[in-house]
Each structure stands twice: as C-alpha cells, then as structure tokens.
C-alpha cells in the first residue's frame, strides 16, 4: 500500500459510518467517470494488395493493416480459409475477399467493445 492509500484509509477510519458511506459513493462516482480507462483503438493502416497477391501474402498484408487485432482470435477462421484454398482449390480471389471481410468484421467488433 502506498502513502496516499494509507492516508485515505486513515481518513476513512476517522469518519462516521454515514460519512464512510458517502466517501465510498463519491469514490465509486469518480471511478465510474474515469476516462483514462477507456481504450483507444487505432484505425487500420490499409496496405494495398500487390499484383498477383497470394492468399498467404494477403493474410500477411491484412495482419499488418489490422495490427491492433489479436491474431489468436482470428486463427481458426483464417486457417480454415487458407486450407480451403490450398487443399480444396478454392479460388484465391474469393478467399482473399473473405479474409478482408473477416478482418474488417473483427475490427468492427473490437470498436464496439
């Protein structure tokens, strides 16, 4: 416990029960209105697709563009799309388009939080 916390505890203990309750309510009010805890989500930094971009290239590009996203949360869905392209022959254009939508959707969900 730091010096200020000890001082606050001492003051709290010197108060009547009614005043202790008021102090707690005021503390809760201050904590509720503390804007420092609000996370600022960076905007994506779009990177243009190169000519003849591969699915893996698109995945790297989107990961760099949406650097603020937790890639672990995208792993299952991106792996499925890459696998569809590599093993099932799904067209790279369709997979890249879906990857772009996936990253955009995850970004929008993050902004909502």
Protein backbone atom coordinates (compact mmCIF):
# COMPACT_ATOMS: atom_id res chain seq x y z
CA UNK A 1 0.00 0.00 0.00
CA UNK A 2 1.47 3.37 -0.99
CA UNK A 3 1.48 6.58 1.09
CA UNK A 4 -1.70 8.01 -0.45
CA UNK A 5 -3.61 4.77 0.02
CA UNK A 6 -2.59 4.66 3.70
CA UNK A 7 -3.66 8.29 4.13
CA UNK A 8 -7.03 7.58 2.51
CA UNK A 9 -7.56 4.55 4.74
CA UNK A 10 -6.69 6.63 7.84
CA UNK A 11 -9.16 9.32 6.82
CA UNK A 12 -11.83 6.71 6.11
CA UNK A 13 -11.38 5.20 9.58
CA UNK A 14 -11.78 8.65 11.20
CA UNK A 15 -15.21 9.16 9.64
CA UNK A 16 -18.63 8.25 10.94
CA UNK A 17 -20.39 5.32 9.29
CA UNK A 18 -22.59 7.73 7.34
CA UNK A 19 -19.59 9.71 6.10
CA UNK A 20 -17.73 6.49 5.20
CA UNK A 21 -20.69 5.55 3.03
CA UNK A 22 -20.63 8.98 1.38
CA UNK A 23 -16.90 8.68 0.72
CA UNK A 24 -17.39 5.26 -0.88
CA UNK A 25 -20.20 6.58 -3.07
CA UNK A 26 -18.05 9.53 -4.15
CA UNK A 27 -15.12 7.19 -4.88
CA UNK A 28 -17.38 4.97 -6.97
CA UNK A 29 -18.62 8.04 -8.84
CA UNK A 30 -15.07 9.16 -9.61
CA UNK A 31 -14.03 5.69 -10.72
CA UNK A 32 -17.06 5.40 -13.00
CA UNK A 33 -16.24 8.68 -14.73
CA UNK A 34 -12.53 7.98 -15.11
CA UNK A 35 -11.89 8.32 -18.85
CA UNK A 36 -8.28 7.16 -18.59
CA UNK A 37 -9.51 3.56 -18.59
CA UNK A 38 -11.20 3.93 -21.97
CA UNK A 39 -9.18 2.06 -24.55
CA UNK A 40 -8.35 3.88 -27.74
CA UNK A 41 -8.49 1.58 -30.73
CA UNK A 42 -6.16 2.54 -33.54
CA UNK A 43 -7.53 2.81 -37.05
CA UNK A 44 -6.35 0.21 -39.56
CA UNK A 45 -3.42 1.23 -41.76
CA UNK A 46 -4.54 -0.10 -45.15
CA UNK A 47 -1.82 -1.64 -47.29
CA UNK A 48 -2.58 -2.06 -50.96
CA UNK A 49 -2.60 -5.56 -52.36
CA UNK A 50 0.26 -6.31 -54.70
CA UNK A 51 -0.27 -7.61 -58.22
CA UNK A 52 -0.79 -11.38 -58.17
CA UNK A 53 -1.09 -11.40 -54.40
CA UNK A 54 -1.20 -14.87 -52.86
CA UNK A 55 -3.54 -15.91 -50.06
CA UNK A 56 -0.61 -16.01 -47.63
CA UNK A 57 0.51 -12.60 -48.88
CA UNK A 58 -2.99 -11.25 -48.29
CA UNK A 59 -3.00 -12.72 -44.80
CA UNK A 60 0.30 -11.00 -44.01
CA UNK A 61 -0.93 -7.73 -45.51
CA UNK A 62 -4.16 -7.82 -43.51
CA UNK A 63 -2.32 -8.73 -40.31
CA UNK A 64 -0.11 -5.68 -40.79
CA UNK A 65 -3.05 -3.44 -41.72
CA UNK A 66 -5.09 -4.57 -38.72
CA UNK A 67 -2.17 -4.66 -36.29
CA UNK A 68 -4.49 -3.91 -33.33
CA UNK A 69 -6.35 -7.22 -33.63
CA UNK A 70 -5.47 -10.25 -31.54
CA UNK A 71 -4.38 -12.69 -34.23
CA UNK A 72 -5.11 -15.66 -31.95
CA UNK A 73 -8.81 -14.79 -32.17
CA UNK A 74 -8.60 -14.94 -35.97
CA UNK A 75 -6.53 -18.13 -36.18
CA UNK A 76 -9.31 -20.67 -36.57
CA UNK A 77 -11.18 -18.75 -39.25
CA UNK A 78 -8.09 -17.74 -41.22
CA UNK A 79 -6.71 -21.28 -41.07
CA UNK A 80 -9.97 -22.63 -42.46
CA UNK A 81 -9.87 -20.20 -45.37
CA UNK A 82 -6.22 -20.91 -46.19
CA UNK A 83 -6.90 -24.65 -46.03
CA UNK A 84 -9.86 -24.28 -48.38
CA UNK A 85 -7.58 -22.61 -50.89
CA UNK A 86 -4.61 -24.95 -50.54
CA UNK A 87 -6.31 -28.34 -50.22
CA UNK A 88 -9.68 -27.79 -51.86
CA UNK A 89 -8.63 -25.47 -54.66
CA UNK A 90 -10.93 -22.62 -53.70
CA UNK A 91 -10.15 -19.56 -55.83
CA UNK A 92 -7.63 -17.20 -54.25
CA UNK A 93 -9.73 -14.15 -55.14
CA UNK A 94 -12.70 -15.49 -53.17
CA UNK A 95 -10.54 -16.46 -50.20
CA UNK A 96 -8.76 -13.08 -50.15
CA UNK A 97 -12.10 -11.27 -50.32
CA UNK A 98 -13.39 -13.34 -47.40
CA UNK A 99 -10.19 -12.71 -45.43
CA UNK A 100 -10.64 -8.98 -45.95
CA UNK A 101 -14.22 -9.18 -44.68
CA UNK A 102 -13.11 -11.30 -41.72
CA UNK A 103 -10.51 -8.77 -40.59
CA UNK A 104 -12.93 -5.89 -41.10
CA UNK A 105 -15.63 -7.66 -39.07
CA UNK A 106 -13.26 -8.41 -36.20
CA UNK A 107 -12.12 -4.79 -36.22
CA UNK A 108 -15.72 -3.53 -36.09
CA UNK A 109 -16.46 -5.86 -33.16
CA UNK A 110 -13.39 -4.57 -31.33
CA UNK A 111 -14.52 -0.97 -31.88
CA UNK A 112 -17.97 -1.79 -30.47
CA UNK A 113 -16.41 -3.00 -27.23
